């Protein structure tokens, strides 16, 4: 992370953390409005925080723009475009879910390979193909 981020853990979560390492955490445990609380400084990005989303956006745009030659859309900073083999390739994303579109599936495969090199170290990226997709409780139908 490029700067400090603090979070507040309250109630059972604060208690659990003090049980993991009492020597480190118990001295910082406090009571606020009758609840046990613990303020902690994060050493890494925590999934679900705005900071984690921003760090991923910076990294992903660095890969897409800096390494792969895409251009960010001036109206939406979560859309990138590039002409590949005479056809437009568009990548759009929301947090860490991407939609990659190109008429040639081999281009999509090439982009996925590059993204897997960067982000698939723990396990390969989850990929769905086709015209109908479930995403965030919505059915997206591109037929």
N, C-alpha and C. Protein backbone atom coordinates (compact mmCIF):
# COMPACT_ATOMS: atom_id res chain seq x y z
N UNK A 1 0.85 -1.18 0.00
CA UNK A 1 0.00 0.00 0.00
C UNK A 1 0.89 1.24 0.00
N UNK A 2 0.38 2.30 -0.59
CA UNK A 2 1.18 3.51 -0.72
C UNK A 2 0.95 4.52 0.40
N UNK A 3 0.04 4.23 1.33
CA UNK A 3 -0.19 5.11 2.48
C UNK A 3 -0.88 4.29 3.57
N UNK A 4 -0.98 4.87 4.76
CA UNK A 4 -1.59 4.15 5.87
C UNK A 4 -3.10 4.12 5.76
N UNK A 5 -3.67 2.98 6.15
CA UNK A 5 -5.11 2.86 6.26
C UNK A 5 -5.40 2.24 7.61
N UNK A 6 -6.30 2.85 8.35
CA UNK A 6 -6.70 2.35 9.66
C UNK A 6 -8.15 1.87 9.57
N UNK A 7 -8.44 0.81 10.31
CA UNK A 7 -9.82 0.35 10.40
C UNK A 7 -10.19 0.15 11.87
N UNK A 8 -11.47 0.18 12.12
CA UNK A 8 -11.99 0.01 13.48
C UNK A 8 -12.69 -1.33 13.54
N UNK A 9 -12.23 -2.18 14.44
CA UNK A 9 -12.86 -3.47 14.67
C UNK A 9 -13.64 -3.36 15.97
N UNK A 10 -14.89 -3.77 15.95
CA UNK A 10 -15.74 -3.62 17.14
C UNK A 10 -16.37 -4.94 17.53
N UNK A 11 -16.66 -5.07 18.81
CA UNK A 11 -17.38 -6.23 19.33
C UNK A 11 -16.61 -7.52 19.19
N UNK A 12 -17.29 -8.59 18.73
CA UNK A 12 -16.66 -9.91 18.67
C UNK A 12 -15.39 -9.96 17.82
N UNK A 13 -15.35 -9.17 16.76
CA UNK A 13 -14.16 -9.18 15.91
C UNK A 13 -12.94 -8.66 16.65
N UNK A 14 -13.11 -7.62 17.44
CA UNK A 14 -12.01 -7.10 18.26
C UNK A 14 -11.57 -8.14 19.28
N UNK A 15 -12.51 -8.79 19.89
CA UNK A 15 -12.21 -9.82 20.87
C UNK A 15 -11.44 -10.99 20.24
N UNK A 16 -11.89 -11.42 19.07
CA UNK A 16 -11.22 -12.52 18.37
C UNK A 16 -9.77 -12.17 18.05
N UNK A 17 -9.53 -10.97 17.59
CA UNK A 17 -8.17 -10.58 17.23
C UNK A 17 -7.26 -10.58 18.47
N UNK A 18 -7.79 -10.17 19.60
CA UNK A 18 -6.97 -10.18 20.82
C UNK A 18 -6.66 -11.61 21.24
N UNK A 19 -7.53 -12.56 20.92
CA UNK A 19 -7.26 -13.96 21.24
C UNK A 19 -6.18 -14.55 20.32
N UNK A 20 -6.07 -14.04 19.09
CA UNK A 20 -5.05 -14.52 18.16
C UNK A 20 -3.65 -14.17 18.67
N UNK A 21 -3.49 -12.95 19.15
CA UNK A 21 -2.19 -12.51 19.65
C UNK A 21 -2.40 -11.56 20.83
N UNK A 22 -2.67 -12.11 22.02
CA UNK A 22 -2.98 -11.26 23.17
C UNK A 22 -1.87 -10.28 23.52
N UNK A 23 -0.63 -10.70 23.44
CA UNK A 23 0.48 -9.83 23.81
C UNK A 23 0.52 -8.58 22.94
N UNK A 24 0.17 -8.73 21.70
CA UNK A 24 0.22 -7.60 20.78
C UNK A 24 -1.03 -6.72 20.87
N UNK A 25 -2.21 -7.32 20.97
CA UNK A 25 -3.44 -6.57 20.80
C UNK A 25 -4.17 -6.15 22.07
N UNK A 26 -4.05 -6.91 23.16
CA UNK A 26 -4.85 -6.61 24.36
C UNK A 26 -4.61 -5.20 24.89
N UNK A 27 -3.37 -4.73 24.81
CA UNK A 27 -3.07 -3.40 25.36
C UNK A 27 -3.76 -2.28 24.59
N UNK A 28 -4.21 -2.57 23.36
CA UNK A 28 -4.88 -1.55 22.54
C UNK A 28 -6.40 -1.66 22.56
N UNK A 29 -6.91 -2.69 23.22
CA UNK A 29 -8.35 -2.89 23.31
C UNK A 29 -8.97 -1.78 24.17
N UNK A 30 -10.04 -1.18 23.68
CA UNK A 30 -10.71 -0.10 24.42
C UNK A 30 -12.21 -0.36 24.42
N UNK A 31 -12.91 0.41 25.21
CA UNK A 31 -14.37 0.32 25.26
C UNK A 31 -14.95 1.65 24.81
N UNK A 32 -15.86 1.60 23.85
CA UNK A 32 -16.55 2.79 23.36
C UNK A 32 -18.04 2.48 23.35
N UNK A 33 -18.81 3.27 24.07
CA UNK A 33 -20.26 3.10 24.13
C UNK A 33 -20.63 1.66 24.51
N UNK A 34 -19.87 1.10 25.43
CA UNK A 34 -20.16 -0.24 25.93
C UNK A 34 -19.67 -1.38 25.04
N UNK A 35 -19.00 -1.08 23.94
CA UNK A 35 -18.50 -2.11 23.02
C UNK A 35 -16.98 -2.12 23.04
N UNK A 36 -16.41 -3.33 22.96
CA UNK A 36 -14.97 -3.43 22.82
C UNK A 36 -14.59 -3.03 21.40
N UNK A 37 -13.56 -2.20 21.27
CA UNK A 37 -13.09 -1.77 19.95
C UNK A 37 -11.58 -1.86 19.89
N UNK A 38 -11.09 -2.02 18.68
CA UNK A 38 -9.67 -2.09 18.42
C UNK A 38 -9.41 -1.37 17.11
N UNK A 39 -8.54 -0.37 17.13
CA UNK A 39 -8.15 0.32 15.91
C UNK A 39 -6.84 -0.29 15.43
N UNK A 40 -6.80 -0.67 14.16
CA UNK A 40 -5.59 -1.30 13.62
C UNK A 40 -5.15 -0.59 12.34
N UNK A 41 -3.84 -0.64 12.11
CA UNK A 41 -3.27 -0.10 10.88
C UNK A 41 -3.01 -1.29 9.95
N UNK A 42 -3.50 -1.21 8.74
CA UNK A 42 -3.35 -2.31 7.79
C UNK A 42 -1.96 -2.30 7.17
N UNK A 43 -1.39 -3.50 7.03
CA UNK A 43 -0.10 -3.65 6.36
C UNK A 43 -0.30 -3.91 4.87
N UNK A 44 -1.49 -4.42 4.51
CA UNK A 44 -1.81 -4.73 3.12
C UNK A 44 -3.23 -4.25 2.85
N UNK A 45 -3.59 -4.20 1.58
CA UNK A 45 -4.94 -3.82 1.22
C UNK A 45 -5.92 -4.88 1.72
N UNK A 46 -7.04 -4.46 2.22
CA UNK A 46 -8.08 -5.36 2.72
C UNK A 46 -9.22 -5.38 1.71
N UNK A 47 -9.51 -6.58 1.20
CA UNK A 47 -10.56 -6.73 0.20
C UNK A 47 -11.86 -6.14 0.73
N UNK A 48 -12.53 -5.39 -0.12
CA UNK A 48 -13.80 -4.79 0.26
C UNK A 48 -13.68 -3.34 0.69
N UNK A 49 -12.46 -2.86 0.88
CA UNK A 49 -12.29 -1.46 1.26
C UNK A 49 -12.09 -0.62 0.01
N UNK A 50 -12.44 0.64 0.11
CA UNK A 50 -12.28 1.56 -1.01
C UNK A 50 -10.81 1.65 -1.41
N UNK A 51 -9.92 1.59 -0.43
CA UNK A 51 -8.49 1.67 -0.72
C UNK A 51 -8.04 0.49 -1.59
N UNK A 52 -8.54 -0.71 -1.29
CA UNK A 52 -8.18 -1.89 -2.08
C UNK A 52 -8.66 -1.75 -3.52
N UNK A 53 -9.86 -1.22 -3.68
CA UNK A 53 -10.41 -1.01 -5.03
C UNK A 53 -9.54 -0.02 -5.80
N UNK A 54 -9.16 1.07 -5.16
CA UNK A 54 -8.33 2.08 -5.82
C UNK A 54 -6.96 1.51 -6.19
N UNK A 55 -6.35 0.73 -5.30
CA UNK A 55 -5.06 0.13 -5.60
C UNK A 55 -5.16 -0.83 -6.78
N UNK A 56 -6.25 -1.62 -6.83
CA UNK A 56 -6.43 -2.53 -7.96
C UNK A 56 -6.65 -1.74 -9.25
N UNK A 57 -7.43 -0.68 -9.19
CA UNK A 57 -7.66 0.14 -10.38
C UNK A 57 -6.33 0.69 -10.91
N UNK A 58 -5.51 1.21 -10.01
CA UNK A 58 -4.21 1.74 -10.43
C UNK A 58 -3.34 0.66 -11.07
N UNK A 59 -3.34 -0.52 -10.46
CA UNK A 59 -2.52 -1.60 -10.99
C UNK A 59 -3.06 -2.08 -12.33
N UNK A 60 -4.37 -2.30 -12.42
CA UNK A 60 -4.97 -2.78 -13.66
C UNK A 60 -4.78 -1.78 -14.79
N UNK A 61 -5.00 -0.51 -14.54
CA UNK A 61 -4.81 0.48 -15.61
C UNK A 61 -3.33 0.55 -16.00
N UNK A 62 -2.43 0.33 -15.05
CA UNK A 62 -1.01 0.28 -15.38
C UNK A 62 -0.70 -0.87 -16.34
N UNK A 63 -1.33 -2.01 -16.11
CA UNK A 63 -1.13 -3.17 -17.00
C UNK A 63 -1.76 -2.89 -18.36
N UNK A 64 -3.03 -2.46 -18.35
CA UNK A 64 -3.74 -2.27 -19.62
C UNK A 64 -3.14 -1.14 -20.45
N UNK A 65 -2.90 0.01 -19.84
CA UNK A 65 -2.40 1.17 -20.57
C UNK A 65 -0.88 1.08 -20.75
N UNK A 66 -0.18 0.86 -19.65
CA UNK A 66 1.28 0.89 -19.68
C UNK A 66 1.93 -0.28 -20.40
N UNK A 67 1.38 -1.48 -20.21
CA UNK A 67 2.01 -2.67 -20.79
C UNK A 67 1.34 -3.16 -22.07
N UNK A 68 0.01 -2.97 -22.17
CA UNK A 68 -0.72 -3.56 -23.29
C UNK A 68 -1.17 -2.54 -24.33
N UNK A 69 -0.97 -1.25 -24.05
CA UNK A 69 -1.27 -0.23 -25.06
C UNK A 69 -2.73 0.17 -25.19
N UNK A 70 -3.56 -0.14 -24.21
CA UNK A 70 -4.96 0.30 -24.25
C UNK A 70 -5.03 1.77 -23.89
N UNK A 71 -6.14 2.41 -24.27
CA UNK A 71 -6.41 3.80 -23.90
C UNK A 71 -7.65 3.83 -23.03
N UNK A 72 -7.57 4.58 -21.92
CA UNK A 72 -8.75 4.73 -21.07
C UNK A 72 -9.77 5.61 -21.75
N UNK A 73 -11.02 5.26 -21.59
CA UNK A 73 -12.11 6.07 -22.11
C UNK A 73 -12.16 7.38 -21.32
N UNK A 74 -12.21 8.53 -21.99
CA UNK A 74 -12.19 9.81 -21.27
C UNK A 74 -13.46 10.06 -20.46
N UNK A 75 -14.53 9.32 -20.72
CA UNK A 75 -15.79 9.52 -20.02
C UNK A 75 -16.01 8.51 -18.90
N UNK A 76 -15.31 7.41 -18.95
CA UNK A 76 -15.46 6.36 -17.93
C UNK A 76 -14.10 5.72 -17.72
N UNK A 77 -13.49 5.95 -16.56
CA UNK A 77 -12.13 5.48 -16.27
C UNK A 77 -12.08 3.98 -15.98
N UNK A 78 -13.19 3.29 -16.11
CA UNK A 78 -13.21 1.84 -15.96
C UNK A 78 -13.53 1.16 -17.29
N UNK A 79 -13.20 1.83 -18.38
CA UNK A 79 -13.35 1.29 -19.72
C UNK A 79 -12.06 1.60 -20.48
N UNK A 80 -11.50 0.57 -21.13
CA UNK A 80 -10.28 0.75 -21.91
C UNK A 80 -10.50 0.14 -23.30
N UNK A 81 -9.95 0.79 -24.31
CA UNK A 81 -10.13 0.35 -25.69
C UNK A 81 -8.79 0.28 -26.40
N UNK A 82 -8.73 -0.60 -27.41
CA UNK A 82 -7.55 -0.72 -28.26
C UNK A 82 -7.97 -1.39 -29.56
N UNK A 83 -7.43 -0.89 -30.66
CA UNK A 83 -7.67 -1.55 -31.94
C UNK A 83 -6.66 -2.70 -32.07
N UNK A 84 -7.18 -3.91 -32.27
CA UNK A 84 -6.34 -5.10 -32.43
C UNK A 84 -6.80 -5.83 -33.67
N UNK A 85 -5.89 -6.07 -34.59
CA UNK A 85 -6.20 -6.73 -35.86
C UNK A 85 -7.33 -6.02 -36.61
N UNK A 86 -7.34 -4.70 -36.53
CA UNK A 86 -8.32 -3.91 -37.25
C UNK A 86 -9.70 -3.85 -36.60
N UNK A 87 -9.86 -4.42 -35.42
CA UNK A 87 -11.15 -4.43 -34.73
C UNK A 87 -10.96 -3.90 -33.31
N UNK A 88 -12.01 -3.27 -32.78
CA UNK A 88 -11.92 -2.70 -31.44
C UNK A 88 -12.02 -3.78 -30.38
N UNK A 89 -11.13 -3.70 -29.41
CA UNK A 89 -11.20 -4.53 -28.22
C UNK A 89 -11.57 -3.61 -27.06
N UNK A 90 -12.57 -3.98 -26.30
CA UNK A 90 -13.01 -3.18 -25.16
C UNK A 90 -12.94 -4.02 -23.90
N UNK A 91 -12.36 -3.43 -22.87
CA UNK A 91 -12.34 -4.04 -21.55
C UNK A 91 -13.01 -3.06 -20.61
N UNK A 92 -14.01 -3.54 -19.90
CA UNK A 92 -14.64 -2.70 -18.89
C UNK A 92 -14.67 -3.48 -17.60
N UNK A 93 -14.69 -2.76 -16.49
CA UNK A 93 -14.66 -3.45 -15.20
C UNK A 93 -15.38 -2.68 -14.13
N UNK A 94 -15.82 -3.45 -13.13
CA UNK A 94 -16.42 -2.92 -11.91
C UNK A 94 -15.71 -3.63 -10.77
N UNK A 95 -14.99 -2.89 -9.98
CA UNK A 95 -14.16 -3.41 -8.89
C UNK A 95 -13.18 -4.41 -9.49
N UNK A 96 -13.39 -5.73 -9.32
CA UNK A 96 -12.44 -6.70 -9.86
C UNK A 96 -13.11 -7.68 -10.83
N UNK A 97 -14.23 -7.28 -11.40
CA UNK A 97 -14.92 -8.08 -12.42
C UNK A 97 -14.75 -7.38 -13.76
N UNK A 98 -14.21 -8.11 -14.74
CA UNK A 98 -13.92 -7.54 -16.05
C UNK A 98 -14.79 -8.18 -17.12
N UNK A 99 -15.10 -7.40 -18.15
CA UNK A 99 -15.75 -7.89 -19.36
C UNK A 99 -14.84 -7.52 -20.52
N UNK A 100 -14.40 -8.52 -21.24
CA UNK A 100 -13.49 -8.33 -22.36
C UNK A 100 -14.22 -8.69 -23.64
N UNK A 101 -14.21 -7.79 -24.63
CA UNK A 101 -14.93 -8.02 -25.88
C UNK A 101 -14.03 -7.79 -27.08
N UNK A 102 -13.99 -8.76 -27.97
CA UNK A 102 -13.34 -8.63 -29.27
C UNK A 102 -13.96 -9.68 -30.17
N UNK A 103 -14.06 -9.39 -31.48
CA UNK A 103 -14.70 -10.34 -32.40
C UNK A 103 -13.89 -11.63 -32.53
N UNK A 104 -12.58 -11.57 -32.29
CA UNK A 104 -11.72 -12.74 -32.42
C UNK A 104 -11.45 -13.31 -31.02
N UNK A 105 -11.91 -14.51 -30.75
CA UNK A 105 -11.75 -15.11 -29.43
C UNK A 105 -10.28 -15.32 -29.07
N UNK A 106 -9.41 -15.43 -30.09
CA UNK A 106 -7.98 -15.60 -29.81
C UNK A 106 -7.40 -14.34 -29.17
N UNK A 107 -7.93 -13.19 -29.53
CA UNK A 107 -7.50 -11.94 -28.90
C UNK A 107 -7.92 -11.94 -27.43
N UNK A 108 -9.15 -12.37 -27.16
CA UNK A 108 -9.59 -12.48 -25.78
C UNK A 108 -8.70 -13.44 -24.99
N UNK A 109 -8.32 -14.57 -25.62
CA UNK A 109 -7.44 -15.54 -24.97
C UNK A 109 -6.09 -14.92 -24.64
N UNK A 110 -5.54 -14.14 -25.57
CA UNK A 110 -4.25 -13.50 -25.37
C UNK A 110 -4.30 -12.52 -24.19
N UNK A 111 -5.37 -11.76 -24.12
CA UNK A 111 -5.53 -10.80 -23.02
C UNK A 111 -5.69 -11.55 -21.70
N UNK A 112 -6.49 -12.61 -21.70
CA UNK A 112 -6.67 -13.40 -20.48
C UNK A 112 -5.35 -14.02 -20.02
N UNK A 113 -4.54 -14.49 -20.96
CA UNK A 113 -3.23 -15.04 -20.59
C UNK A 113 -2.38 -13.99 -19.90
N UNK A 114 -2.37 -12.78 -20.44
CA UNK A 114 -1.60 -11.69 -19.84
C UNK A 114 -2.12 -11.35 -18.45
N UNK A 115 -3.44 -11.28 -18.30
CA UNK A 115 -4.02 -10.96 -17.00
C UNK A 115 -3.80 -12.09 -16.00
N UNK A 116 -3.82 -13.34 -16.47
CA UNK A 116 -3.53 -14.47 -15.58
C UNK A 116 -2.09 -14.45 -15.10
N UNK A 117 -1.16 -14.01 -15.95
CA UNK A 117 0.23 -13.87 -15.52
C UNK A 117 0.33 -12.92 -14.34
N UNK A 118 -0.44 -11.86 -14.39
CA UNK A 118 -0.37 -10.82 -13.36
C UNK A 118 -1.21 -11.16 -12.13
N UNK A 119 -2.45 -11.64 -12.34
CA UNK A 119 -3.40 -11.78 -11.24
C UNK A 119 -3.77 -13.21 -10.90
N UNK A 120 -3.28 -14.19 -11.64
CA UNK A 120 -3.70 -15.57 -11.41
C UNK A 120 -2.70 -16.41 -10.65
N UNK A 121 -1.87 -15.78 -9.82
CA UNK A 121 -0.84 -16.52 -9.10
C UNK A 121 -1.42 -17.51 -8.08
N UNK A 122 -2.47 -17.13 -7.37
CA UNK A 122 -3.09 -18.01 -6.38
C UNK A 122 -3.94 -19.08 -7.04
N UNK A 123 -4.49 -18.77 -8.18
CA UNK A 123 -5.33 -19.68 -8.94
C UNK A 123 -5.75 -18.95 -10.21
N UNK A 124 -6.08 -19.69 -11.25
CA UNK A 124 -6.44 -19.01 -12.51
C UNK A 124 -7.68 -18.15 -12.33
N UNK A 125 -7.76 -17.10 -13.14
CA UNK A 125 -8.93 -16.24 -13.12
C UNK A 125 -10.17 -17.04 -13.51
N UNK A 126 -11.30 -16.68 -12.96
CA UNK A 126 -12.56 -17.32 -13.32
C UNK A 126 -13.05 -16.67 -14.61
N UNK A 127 -13.31 -17.49 -15.61
CA UNK A 127 -13.71 -16.98 -16.93
C UNK A 127 -15.03 -17.61 -17.34
N UNK A 128 -15.95 -16.79 -17.82
CA UNK A 128 -17.17 -17.30 -18.44
C UNK A 128 -17.24 -16.74 -19.84
N UNK A 129 -17.73 -17.54 -20.75
CA UNK A 129 -17.85 -17.13 -22.14
C UNK A 129 -19.27 -17.33 -22.61
N UNK A 130 -19.63 -16.62 -23.65
CA UNK A 130 -20.95 -16.78 -24.21
C UNK A 130 -21.71 -15.46 -24.21
N UNK A 131 -22.98 -15.56 -24.55
CA UNK A 131 -23.78 -14.36 -24.70
C UNK A 131 -24.61 -14.03 -23.46
N UNK A 132 -24.74 -14.97 -22.50
CA UNK A 132 -25.54 -14.73 -21.31
C UNK A 132 -24.66 -14.93 -20.08
N UNK A 133 -24.67 -13.93 -19.19
CA UNK A 133 -23.84 -13.98 -17.98
C UNK A 133 -24.64 -13.50 -16.78
N UNK A 134 -24.39 -14.10 -15.63
CA UNK A 134 -24.95 -13.65 -14.37
C UNK A 134 -23.89 -12.80 -13.68
N UNK A 135 -24.27 -11.60 -13.29
CA UNK A 135 -23.30 -10.69 -12.66
C UNK A 135 -24.03 -9.78 -11.68
N UNK A 136 -23.61 -9.82 -10.42
CA UNK A 136 -24.18 -8.95 -9.39
C UNK A 136 -25.71 -9.01 -9.34
N UNK A 137 -26.24 -10.22 -9.46
CA UNK A 137 -27.68 -10.40 -9.39
C UNK A 137 -28.43 -10.03 -10.66
N UNK A 138 -27.69 -9.73 -11.72
CA UNK A 138 -28.32 -9.37 -13.00
C UNK A 138 -28.02 -10.45 -14.04
N UNK A 139 -28.90 -10.60 -14.98
CA UNK A 139 -28.63 -11.44 -16.14
C UNK A 139 -28.31 -10.52 -17.30
N UNK A 140 -27.09 -10.65 -17.81
CA UNK A 140 -26.66 -9.85 -18.96
C UNK A 140 -26.78 -10.73 -20.20
N UNK A 141 -27.63 -10.32 -21.14
CA UNK A 141 -27.88 -11.09 -22.34
C UNK A 141 -27.44 -10.27 -23.55
N UNK A 142 -26.39 -10.74 -24.22
CA UNK A 142 -25.82 -10.02 -25.36
C UNK A 142 -26.21 -10.67 -26.69
N UNK A 143 -27.27 -11.52 -26.68
CA UNK A 143 -27.64 -12.19 -27.92
C UNK A 143 -28.42 -11.28 -28.84
